[in-house]
Amino acid sequence: MQSSCDRLELFKNIRSSIRGSDEYLLVGIDVAKSRHHAFFGTPKGTTLWKNLVFDNSIIGFEALRGLARDLQNKYGLDKVVYGLEPTASYHKPLAEYLIRQDEHVVYVSNVAVAKNRALLDGRWDKNDKKDSANVADLVGQGRCLYYDIPEESLRELRVLIAFRSKLKKQEHALRMRLRNNLFAQYFPELDRLYIRAGQPDDMVLSIAEHCLDPRDIAQMEFDSFLKLISKRKIRIEQEKRLRGIWEAAKDSAGCQVHEAAKFEAKSMVTQLKAAREAVKDVELQMKSVAQRFHEYQCLLSIPGFGPIVSAMVLAAIGDASRFENRKQVLRLAGLDLSASRSGKTSDQAIPVISKQGKAALRYALVQAAQVASSLNPTIRSYFSGLIKGRECERGIKMKMKVKLAAKMLIIAWTLMKRKEQFNPSCFTV
């Protein structure tokens, strides 16, 4: 298997030379779960073979490669490029197998496939045969992307980050079901009096688990209610808020609580606690894997970059040398600027971030920018300079925090590339 650097150089050569070339065989693949469709053609639009259907197995993959070799020999083509459209995770076994066999593999974006589909025959009709030809057509135009397979540790980190994202979504879904279904139906006062920033804490979960029915709470003495909810000593503020709940339970507008609702509440609380514990375990594993990289310590030195944000940036950028300039790094996170400039008002168009990159990375960077602009004196001074004279402009603080996030991403990429620690001079106004 070729190294990442060699594969990246080959990709650059292919992308710059493939349009109108006579030496490439293009293999466009429409990926499915169990069976794939392939189209064989040339960059000049010549169809050599269409509608090959092969299984998602080693035998099927070898049948694909075998036909590609036969067509190479028949038509005197020197190189083969396999192009595919990412579909869930179904494309990964095929792509990795081909790459391990030193084949040239690229992928095309889903957006490009959708927009190019109508250009083939003037229709929007979609089917597997046409989609494989569509992929090959995009590759022949050079409108393809590099298929990255990083080293094992980096792949492990990316898997953990993706798993954490799924767990956080699961946790959020459970929180919302507790608040918007159970509490809103059976104890609506609880949400208003206790929950802060959308996060039910252990006290609220304990109420949902042990005494969801406000009528049961109303029949208790406050001390008994307190002992049932918390086994440890609580702060005065918490006690005050719990007393408010106890008082509100006496005149609650909630519906009658039946046994099925109590069972559902206990089950959801158990799931929510399990999800939170799983998130903690995954985050510990992420830190452990990230510490194998020297660049991780460089990222931790940036104000606002905690263990999780640093791990996400490290996983997203990977090998910093594969990016040639800062514009490519900004596009990775969707922080690059774009605007619709047309007609008489083109000079007045206001650029906005494209949001075409990694949304989770973009969100993490903005959170890091918010922390750094509040707690770090140097960055706080820099941020104040950004909004100076524009304080009354609507939404200016958030706009400048996004701009700060973009700058922090560029600094992170630079530090990874140079393997250096953060220097406050980066934020000199």
Protein backbone atom coordinates (compact mmCIF):
# COMPACT_ATOMS: atom_id res chain seq x y z
CA MET A 1 0.00 0.00 0.00
CA GLN A 2 1.34 3.42 -0.96
CA SER A 3 2.02 6.07 1.67
CA SER A 4 -0.38 8.98 2.16
CA CYS A 5 2.12 11.45 0.71
CA ASP A 6 2.59 9.38 -2.45
CA ARG A 7 -1.15 8.94 -2.87
CA LEU A 8 -1.73 12.67 -2.42
CA GLU A 9 0.86 13.53 -5.11
CA LEU A 10 -0.70 10.99 -7.48
CA PHE A 11 -4.13 12.50 -6.84
CA LYS A 12 -2.85 15.99 -7.67
CA ASN A 13 -1.34 14.71 -10.90
CA ILE A 14 -4.51 12.86 -11.86
CA ARG A 15 -6.75 15.83 -11.17
CA SER A 16 -4.61 18.21 -13.21
CA SER A 17 -4.05 15.91 -16.20
CA ILE A 18 -7.12 13.72 -16.52
CA ARG A 19 -9.41 16.07 -18.48
CA GLY A 20 -9.29 15.11 -22.18
CA SER A 21 -6.52 12.56 -21.60
CA ASP A 22 -6.07 9.43 -23.73
CA GLU A 23 -4.32 7.33 -21.09
CA TYR A 24 -6.95 6.95 -18.35
CA LEU A 25 -9.66 4.36 -17.88
CA LEU A 26 -12.43 5.78 -15.69
CA VAL A 27 -14.44 3.45 -13.48
CA GLY A 28 -17.51 5.14 -11.98
CA ILE A 29 -19.14 3.17 -9.18
CA ASP A 30 -22.60 3.67 -7.72
CA VAL A 31 -22.35 2.23 -4.22
CA ALA A 32 -25.10 0.27 -2.50
CA LYS A 33 -25.29 -1.95 0.56
CA SER A 34 -24.92 -5.37 -1.05
CA ARG A 35 -24.41 -4.88 -4.81
CA HIS A 36 -22.64 -2.08 -6.68
CA HIS A 37 -23.03 -0.78 -10.26
CA ALA A 38 -19.99 0.18 -12.33
CA PHE A 39 -19.46 2.13 -15.55
CA PHE A 40 -16.24 2.10 -17.62
CA GLY A 41 -15.34 4.98 -19.90
CA THR A 42 -12.71 7.52 -20.89
CA PRO A 43 -12.24 11.22 -20.06
CA LYS A 44 -13.34 12.06 -23.61
CA GLY A 45 -16.79 10.61 -22.99
CA THR A 46 -16.36 7.26 -24.73
CA THR A 47 -18.33 4.40 -23.16
CA LEU A 48 -16.31 1.16 -22.96
CA TRP A 49 -18.54 -0.95 -20.72
CA LYS A 50 -21.68 -0.18 -18.75
CA ASN A 51 -23.91 -1.76 -16.17
CA LEU A 52 -21.47 -4.12 -14.47
CA VAL A 53 -23.17 -5.30 -11.28
CA PHE A 54 -20.87 -6.85 -8.67
CA ASP A 55 -21.26 -8.04 -5.10
CA ASN A 56 -19.89 -6.29 -2.04
CA SER A 57 -17.31 -9.06 -1.51
CA ILE A 58 -13.72 -9.91 -2.36
CA ILE A 59 -14.94 -11.96 -5.33
CA GLY A 60 -16.98 -9.00 -6.58
CA PHE A 61 -14.08 -6.58 -6.07
CA GLU A 62 -11.73 -8.83 -8.01
CA ALA A 63 -14.29 -9.16 -10.81
CA LEU A 64 -14.30 -5.36 -11.03
CA ARG A 65 -10.50 -5.18 -11.16
CA GLY A 66 -10.34 -8.04 -13.66
CA LEU A 67 -12.67 -6.30 -16.12
CA ALA A 68 -10.73 -3.05 -15.67
CA ARG A 69 -7.47 -4.83 -16.59
CA ASP A 70 -9.08 -6.45 -19.64
CA LEU A 71 -10.35 -3.07 -20.88
CA GLN A 72 -6.95 -1.53 -20.24
CA ASN A 73 -5.25 -4.10 -22.42
CA LYS A 74 -7.93 -3.98 -25.11
CA TYR A 75 -7.91 -0.19 -25.54
CA GLY A 76 -4.28 0.52 -24.62
CA LEU A 77 -4.99 2.63 -21.54
CA ASP A 78 -2.13 3.05 -19.08
CA LYS A 79 -3.92 4.07 -15.88
CA VAL A 80 -7.14 3.27 -14.07
CA VAL A 81 -8.99 5.65 -11.75
CA TYR A 82 -11.84 4.38 -9.61
CA GLY A 83 -14.38 7.02 -8.62
CA LEU A 84 -17.20 6.55 -6.15
CA GLU A 85 -19.82 8.55 -4.32
CA PRO A 86 -19.81 8.18 -0.51
CA THR A 87 -22.99 6.42 0.62
CA ALA A 88 -23.34 5.98 4.39
CA SER A 89 -20.49 3.58 5.24
CA TYR A 90 -21.17 1.18 2.37
CA HIS A 91 -18.35 2.53 0.20
CA LYS A 92 -15.57 2.05 2.75
CA PRO A 93 -14.83 -1.70 2.31
CA LEU A 94 -14.55 -1.29 -1.47
CA ALA A 95 -12.45 1.88 -1.30
CA GLU A 96 -10.02 0.49 1.27
CA TYR A 97 -9.64 -2.79 -0.59
CA LEU A 98 -8.80 -1.00 -3.84
CA ILE A 99 -6.34 1.33 -2.11
CA ARG A 100 -4.59 -1.58 -0.42
CA GLN A 101 -4.18 -3.07 -3.89
CA ASP A 102 -2.44 0.19 -4.95
CA GLU A 103 -5.31 1.29 -7.15
CA HIS A 104 -6.07 4.99 -7.66
CA VAL A 105 -9.30 5.83 -5.82
CA VAL A 106 -11.07 9.19 -5.69
CA TYR A 107 -14.53 10.23 -4.59
CA VAL A 108 -17.04 12.80 -5.77
CA SER A 109 -19.24 14.86 -3.48
CA ASN A 110 -22.96 14.22 -3.19
CA VAL A 111 -23.65 17.84 -4.13
CA ALA A 112 -21.63 17.55 -7.34
CA VAL A 113 -23.40 14.29 -8.27
CA ALA A 114 -26.83 15.86 -7.79
CA LYS A 115 -25.98 18.95 -9.85
CA ASN A 116 -24.23 17.05 -12.64
CA ARG A 117 -26.99 14.46 -13.04
CA ALA A 118 -29.21 16.73 -15.14
CA LEU A 119 -26.30 17.75 -17.38
CA LEU A 120 -25.83 14.26 -18.80
CA ASP A 121 -29.11 14.07 -20.69
CA GLY A 122 -31.06 17.18 -19.73
CA ARG A 123 -33.21 15.24 -17.27
CA TRP A 124 -33.17 14.80 -13.49
CA ASP A 125 -34.05 11.09 -13.70
CA LYS A 126 -32.03 9.02 -11.20
CA ASN A 127 -31.11 5.35 -11.38
CA ASP A 128 -28.10 3.20 -10.55
CA LYS A 129 -26.91 2.81 -14.16
CA LYS A 130 -26.90 6.54 -14.81
CA ASP A 131 -25.37 7.36 -11.44
CA SER A 132 -22.28 5.26 -12.14
CA ALA A 133 -21.86 7.07 -15.47
CA ASN A 134 -22.42 10.36 -13.65
CA VAL A 135 -19.58 9.58 -11.24
CA ALA A 136 -17.24 8.67 -14.10
CA ASP A 137 -18.17 11.90 -15.92
CA LEU A 138 -17.27 14.00 -12.86
CA VAL A 139 -13.94 12.21 -12.45
CA GLY A 140 -13.19 12.80 -16.13
CA GLN A 141 -13.74 16.53 -15.57
CA GLY A 142 -11.34 16.51 -12.64
CA ARG A 143 -14.18 17.33 -10.25
CA CYS A 144 -13.17 14.76 -7.70
CA LEU A 145 -11.72 14.73 -4.19
CA TYR A 146 -8.88 12.96 -2.45
CA TYR A 147 -9.85 9.77 -0.61
CA ASP A 148 -7.98 9.99 2.67
CA ILE A 149 -6.97 6.89 4.62
CA PRO A 150 -4.81 8.12 7.51
CA GLU A 151 -2.63 6.13 9.88
CA GLU A 152 -4.24 3.75 12.35
CA SER A 153 -4.11 6.02 15.41
CA LEU A 154 -5.75 8.88 13.53
CA ARG A 155 -8.43 6.59 12.18
CA GLU A 156 -9.05 5.34 15.70
CA LEU A 157 -9.44 8.91 16.92
CA ARG A 158 -11.91 9.72 14.14
CA VAL A 159 -13.98 6.66 15.00
CA LEU A 160 -14.12 7.72 18.65
CA ILE A 161 -15.14 11.27 17.71
CA ALA A 162 -17.92 9.97 15.45
CA PHE A 163 -19.09 7.63 18.23
CA ARG A 164 -19.10 10.50 20.74
CA SER A 165 -21.20 12.57 18.35
CA LYS A 166 -23.78 9.76 18.15
CA LEU A 167 -23.85 9.42 21.93
CA LYS A 168 -24.32 13.18 22.37
CA LYS A 169 -27.25 13.12 19.95
CA GLN A 170 -28.73 10.20 21.86
CA GLU A 171 -28.26 12.07 25.15
CA HIS A 172 -29.90 15.19 23.72
CA ALA A 173 -32.85 13.17 22.41
CA LEU A 174 -33.42 11.62 25.83
CA ARG A 175 -33.23 15.01 27.55
CA MET A 176 -35.78 16.47 25.18
CA ARG A 177 -38.14 13.52 25.63
CA LEU A 178 -37.96 13.94 29.38
CA ARG A 179 -38.62 17.68 29.21
CA ASN A 180 -41.07 17.97 26.34
CA ASN A 181 -42.98 14.74 26.88
CA LEU A 182 -42.94 13.57 30.49
CA PHE A 183 -42.37 16.80 32.42
CA ALA A 184 -44.58 18.88 30.16
CA GLN A 185 -47.38 16.36 30.54
CA TYR A 186 -47.17 15.32 34.18
CA PHE A 187 -45.22 18.02 36.04
CA PRO A 188 -44.92 21.17 33.87
CA GLU A 189 -43.76 23.33 36.80
CA LEU A 190 -40.60 21.27 37.15
CA ASP A 191 -39.14 22.44 33.86
CA ARG A 192 -39.76 26.11 34.61
CA LEU A 193 -38.47 26.08 38.21
CA TYR A 194 -35.39 23.90 38.08
CA ILE A 195 -33.89 23.11 34.68
CA ARG A 196 -31.15 25.51 33.59
CA ALA A 197 -29.66 25.80 30.05
CA GLY A 198 -31.61 22.75 28.89
CA GLN A 199 -29.62 20.40 31.12
CA PRO A 200 -31.60 18.31 33.64
CA ASP A 201 -29.18 17.72 36.52
CA ASP A 202 -29.05 14.80 38.94
CA MET A 203 -31.78 16.30 41.14
CA VAL A 204 -34.25 16.48 38.25
CA LEU A 205 -33.37 12.98 37.12
CA SER A 206 -33.92 11.74 40.66
CA ILE A 207 -37.38 13.35 40.74
CA ALA A 208 -38.25 11.72 37.39
CA GLU A 209 -37.00 8.37 38.64
CA HIS A 210 -38.53 8.30 42.15
CA CYS A 211 -41.50 10.68 42.27
CA LEU A 212 -42.69 11.90 38.88
CA ASP A 213 -46.22 12.39 40.26
CA PRO A 214 -46.48 15.86 41.88
CA ARG A 215 -49.34 14.55 44.03
CA ASP A 216 -46.94 12.15 45.71
CA ILE A 217 -44.54 15.01 46.38
CA ALA A 218 -47.32 17.16 47.82
CA GLN A 219 -48.12 14.46 50.40
CA MET A 220 -44.51 14.37 51.69
CA GLU A 221 -42.84 16.56 54.24
CA PHE A 222 -40.09 18.66 52.69
CA ASP A 223 -37.34 16.84 54.61
CA SER A 224 -38.61 13.48 53.40
CA PHE A 225 -38.73 14.79 49.82
CA LEU A 226 -35.18 16.09 50.19
CA LYS A 227 -33.85 12.77 51.48
CA LEU A 228 -35.56 10.88 48.67
CA ILE A 229 -34.09 13.13 45.99
CA SER A 230 -30.54 13.52 47.30
CA LYS A 231 -28.44 11.22 49.47
CA ARG A 232 -25.79 13.87 50.02
CA LYS A 233 -25.65 17.37 51.40
CA ILE A 234 -26.76 20.02 48.92
CA ARG A 235 -26.11 23.73 48.55
CA ILE A 236 -28.44 26.39 49.90
CA GLU A 237 -29.33 27.46 46.35
CA GLN A 238 -30.30 23.91 45.41
CA GLU A 239 -32.37 23.50 48.57
CA LYS A 240 -34.21 26.74 47.79
CA ARG A 241 -35.06 25.58 44.28
CA LEU A 242 -36.17 22.15 45.52
CA ARG A 243 -38.43 23.83 48.04
CA GLY A 244 -39.97 25.78 45.18
CA ILE A 245 -40.69 22.49 43.40
CA TRP A 246 -42.19 21.01 46.55
CA GLU A 247 -44.47 24.03 46.91
CA ALA A 248 -45.43 23.96 43.23
CA ALA A 249 -46.33 20.27 43.44
CA LYS A 250 -49.27 21.10 45.72
CA ASP A 251 -51.04 22.98 42.91
CA SER A 252 -49.55 21.30 39.85
CA ALA A 253 -51.45 21.39 36.56
CA GLY A 254 -50.02 18.05 35.49
CA CYS A 255 -52.04 15.12 34.16
CA GLN A 256 -52.78 12.02 36.18
CA VAL A 257 -49.63 9.89 36.37
CA HIS A 258 -50.16 6.21 35.66
CA GLU A 259 -47.79 3.30 36.21
CA ALA A 260 -46.73 3.16 32.56
CA ALA A 261 -45.53 6.79 32.75
CA LYS A 262 -43.52 6.05 35.89
CA PHE A 263 -41.95 3.03 34.20
CA GLU A 264 -41.10 5.12 31.11
CA ALA A 265 -39.52 7.82 33.27
CA LYS A 266 -37.32 5.34 35.14
CA SER A 267 -36.27 3.69 31.90
CA MET A 268 -35.38 7.00 30.25
CA VAL A 269 -33.39 8.18 33.27
CA THR A 270 -31.43 4.92 33.23
CA GLN A 271 -30.71 5.34 29.52
CA LEU A 272 -29.69 8.99 29.97
CA LYS A 273 -27.28 8.17 32.79
CA ALA A 274 -25.82 5.33 30.73
CA ALA A 275 -25.36 7.65 27.74
CA ARG A 276 -23.59 10.23 29.90
CA GLU A 277 -21.26 7.60 31.33
CA ALA A 278 -20.54 6.32 27.84
CA VAL A 279 -19.67 9.85 26.69
CA LYS A 280 -17.22 10.19 29.59
CA ASP A 281 -15.60 6.85 28.73
CA VAL A 282 -15.29 7.79 25.06
CA GLU A 283 -13.75 11.17 25.93
CA LEU A 284 -11.15 9.46 28.14
CA GLN A 285 -10.34 7.11 25.27
CA MET A 286 -10.10 10.08 22.88
CA LYS A 287 -7.57 11.80 25.15
CA SER A 288 -5.56 8.59 25.43
CA VAL A 289 -5.36 8.16 21.65
CA ALA A 290 -4.71 11.86 20.97
CA GLN A 291 -1.75 11.90 23.35
CA ARG A 292 0.13 9.64 20.92
CA PHE A 293 0.53 12.69 18.65
CA HIS A 294 3.03 15.44 19.39
CA GLU A 295 0.70 17.90 17.64
CA TYR A 296 -1.90 17.33 20.36
CA GLN A 297 0.24 19.14 22.93
CA CYS A 298 0.68 22.01 20.49
CA LEU A 299 -3.09 22.35 20.18
CA LEU A 300 -3.63 22.19 23.94
CA SER A 301 -1.43 25.27 24.31
CA ILE A 302 -3.98 27.40 22.41
CA PRO A 303 -6.34 29.32 24.74
CA GLY A 304 -9.85 27.85 24.62
CA PHE A 305 -8.62 24.54 23.20
CA GLY A 306 -9.46 21.88 25.76
CA PRO A 307 -8.86 18.13 25.35
CA ILE A 308 -12.02 17.55 23.27
CA VAL A 309 -11.63 20.51 20.90
CA SER A 310 -7.94 19.70 20.42
CA ALA A 311 -8.74 16.08 19.61
CA MET A 312 -11.43 17.13 17.11
CA VAL A 313 -9.10 19.58 15.35
CA LEU A 314 -6.31 16.99 15.29
CA ALA A 315 -8.60 14.35 13.81
CA ALA A 316 -10.01 16.73 11.18
CA ILE A 317 -6.66 18.10 9.97
CA GLY A 318 -4.63 14.92 10.35
CA ASP A 319 -1.44 15.42 8.39
CA ALA A 320 -1.06 19.21 8.36
CA SER A 321 1.28 19.09 5.36
CA ARG A 322 -1.50 17.87 3.05
CA PHE A 323 -3.00 21.39 3.05
CA GLU A 324 -1.17 23.85 0.82
CA ASN A 325 -2.74 27.05 2.12
CA ARG A 326 -5.09 28.45 4.73
CA LYS A 327 -8.05 28.62 2.35
CA GLN A 328 -8.11 24.82 2.14
CA VAL A 329 -8.12 24.55 5.95
CA LEU A 330 -11.00 27.00 6.27
CA ARG A 331 -12.98 25.08 3.68
CA LEU A 332 -12.49 21.95 5.77
CA ALA A 333 -14.61 23.51 8.53
CA GLY A 334 -16.96 25.45 6.26
CA LEU A 335 -15.57 28.75 7.56
CA ASP A 336 -14.65 30.05 4.11
CA LEU A 337 -16.57 33.10 2.92
CA SER A 338 -18.91 33.13 -0.05
CA ALA A 339 -21.52 35.51 -1.47
CA SER A 340 -23.96 35.74 -4.35
CA ARG A 341 -22.62 38.60 -6.48
CA SER A 342 -24.74 39.33 -9.50
CA GLY A 343 -26.38 42.32 -11.17
CA LYS A 344 -26.44 45.91 -9.98
CA THR A 345 -26.19 45.00 -6.29
CA SER A 346 -23.12 42.76 -6.68
CA ASP A 347 -20.85 45.30 -4.98
CA GLN A 348 -23.14 45.36 -1.96
CA ALA A 349 -23.22 41.59 -1.41
CA ILE A 350 -22.13 40.60 2.09
CA PRO A 351 -20.06 37.40 2.25
CA VAL A 352 -21.10 34.76 4.79
CA ILE A 353 -19.48 31.49 5.83
CA SER A 354 -20.29 28.66 3.44
CA LYS A 355 -21.11 26.03 6.12
CA GLN A 356 -20.09 23.37 3.61
CA GLY A 357 -17.49 21.73 5.84
CA LYS A 358 -17.50 19.75 9.08
CA ALA A 359 -20.32 21.17 11.19
CA ALA A 360 -19.15 19.57 14.46
CA LEU A 361 -15.67 21.02 14.03
CA ARG A 362 -17.10 24.46 13.24
CA TYR A 363 -19.28 24.36 16.35
CA ALA A 364 -16.36 23.28 18.55
CA LEU A 365 -14.17 26.09 17.21
CA VAL A 366 -16.83 28.72 17.92
CA GLN A 367 -17.18 27.40 21.47
CA ALA A 368 -13.40 27.61 21.88
CA ALA A 369 -13.48 31.19 20.57
CA GLN A 370 -16.16 32.12 23.10
CA VAL A 371 -14.10 30.73 25.97
CA ALA A 372 -10.84 32.30 24.81
CA SER A 373 -12.39 35.73 24.18
CA SER A 374 -13.74 35.75 27.72
CA LEU A 375 -10.87 34.27 29.76
CA ASN A 376 -7.62 35.02 27.94
CA PRO A 377 -6.47 38.68 28.28
CA THR A 378 -4.60 38.75 24.96
CA ILE A 379 -7.46 37.29 22.94
CA ARG A 380 -10.01 39.37 24.85
CA SER A 381 -8.10 42.50 23.82
CA TYR A 382 -7.91 41.28 20.21
CA PHE A 383 -11.64 40.54 20.19
CA SER A 384 -12.45 43.98 21.61
CA GLY A 385 -10.47 45.49 18.74
CA LEU A 386 -12.57 43.54 16.22
CA ILE A 387 -15.85 44.98 17.46
CA LYS A 388 -14.57 48.46 18.30
CA GLY A 389 -16.80 51.06 16.67
CA ARG A 390 -19.35 48.40 15.67
CA GLU A 391 -20.83 47.65 19.09
CA CYS A 392 -24.35 48.69 18.05
CA GLU A 393 -24.37 46.52 14.93
CA ARG A 394 -26.82 43.68 15.21
CA GLY A 395 -25.18 40.27 15.78
CA ILE A 396 -21.68 41.68 15.56
CA LYS A 397 -20.36 39.77 18.57
CA MET A 398 -21.30 36.39 17.15
CA LYS A 399 -19.96 37.34 13.72
CA MET A 400 -16.62 38.31 15.23
CA LYS A 401 -16.53 35.13 17.31
CA VAL A 402 -16.90 33.13 14.11
CA LYS A 403 -14.10 35.20 12.59
CA LEU A 404 -12.01 34.51 15.70
CA ALA A 405 -12.78 30.80 15.38
CA ALA A 406 -11.49 30.86 11.79
CA LYS A 407 -8.28 32.55 12.92
CA MET A 408 -7.83 30.01 15.72
CA LEU A 409 -8.19 27.17 13.21
CA ILE A 410 -5.45 28.68 11.02
CA ILE A 411 -3.23 29.07 14.09
CA ALA A 412 -3.90 25.45 15.05
CA TRP A 413 -2.96 24.25 11.55
CA THR A 414 0.22 26.35 11.60
CA LEU A 415 1.27 25.03 15.01
CA MET A 416 0.64 21.45 13.91
CA LYS A 417 2.70 21.97 10.77
CA ARG A 418 5.60 23.58 12.65
CA LYS A 419 5.17 21.48 15.83
CA GLU A 420 5.37 24.61 17.97
CA GLN A 421 3.59 25.88 21.08
CA PHE A 422 1.13 28.78 21.01
CA ASN A 423 2.60 32.29 21.00
CA PRO A 424 0.36 35.21 22.11
CA SER A 425 1.94 37.37 19.40
CA CYS A 426 -0.43 35.63 16.96
CA PHE A 427 -3.19 37.90 18.30
CA THR A 428 -1.36 41.19 18.20
CA VAL A 429 -3.75 43.85 16.91
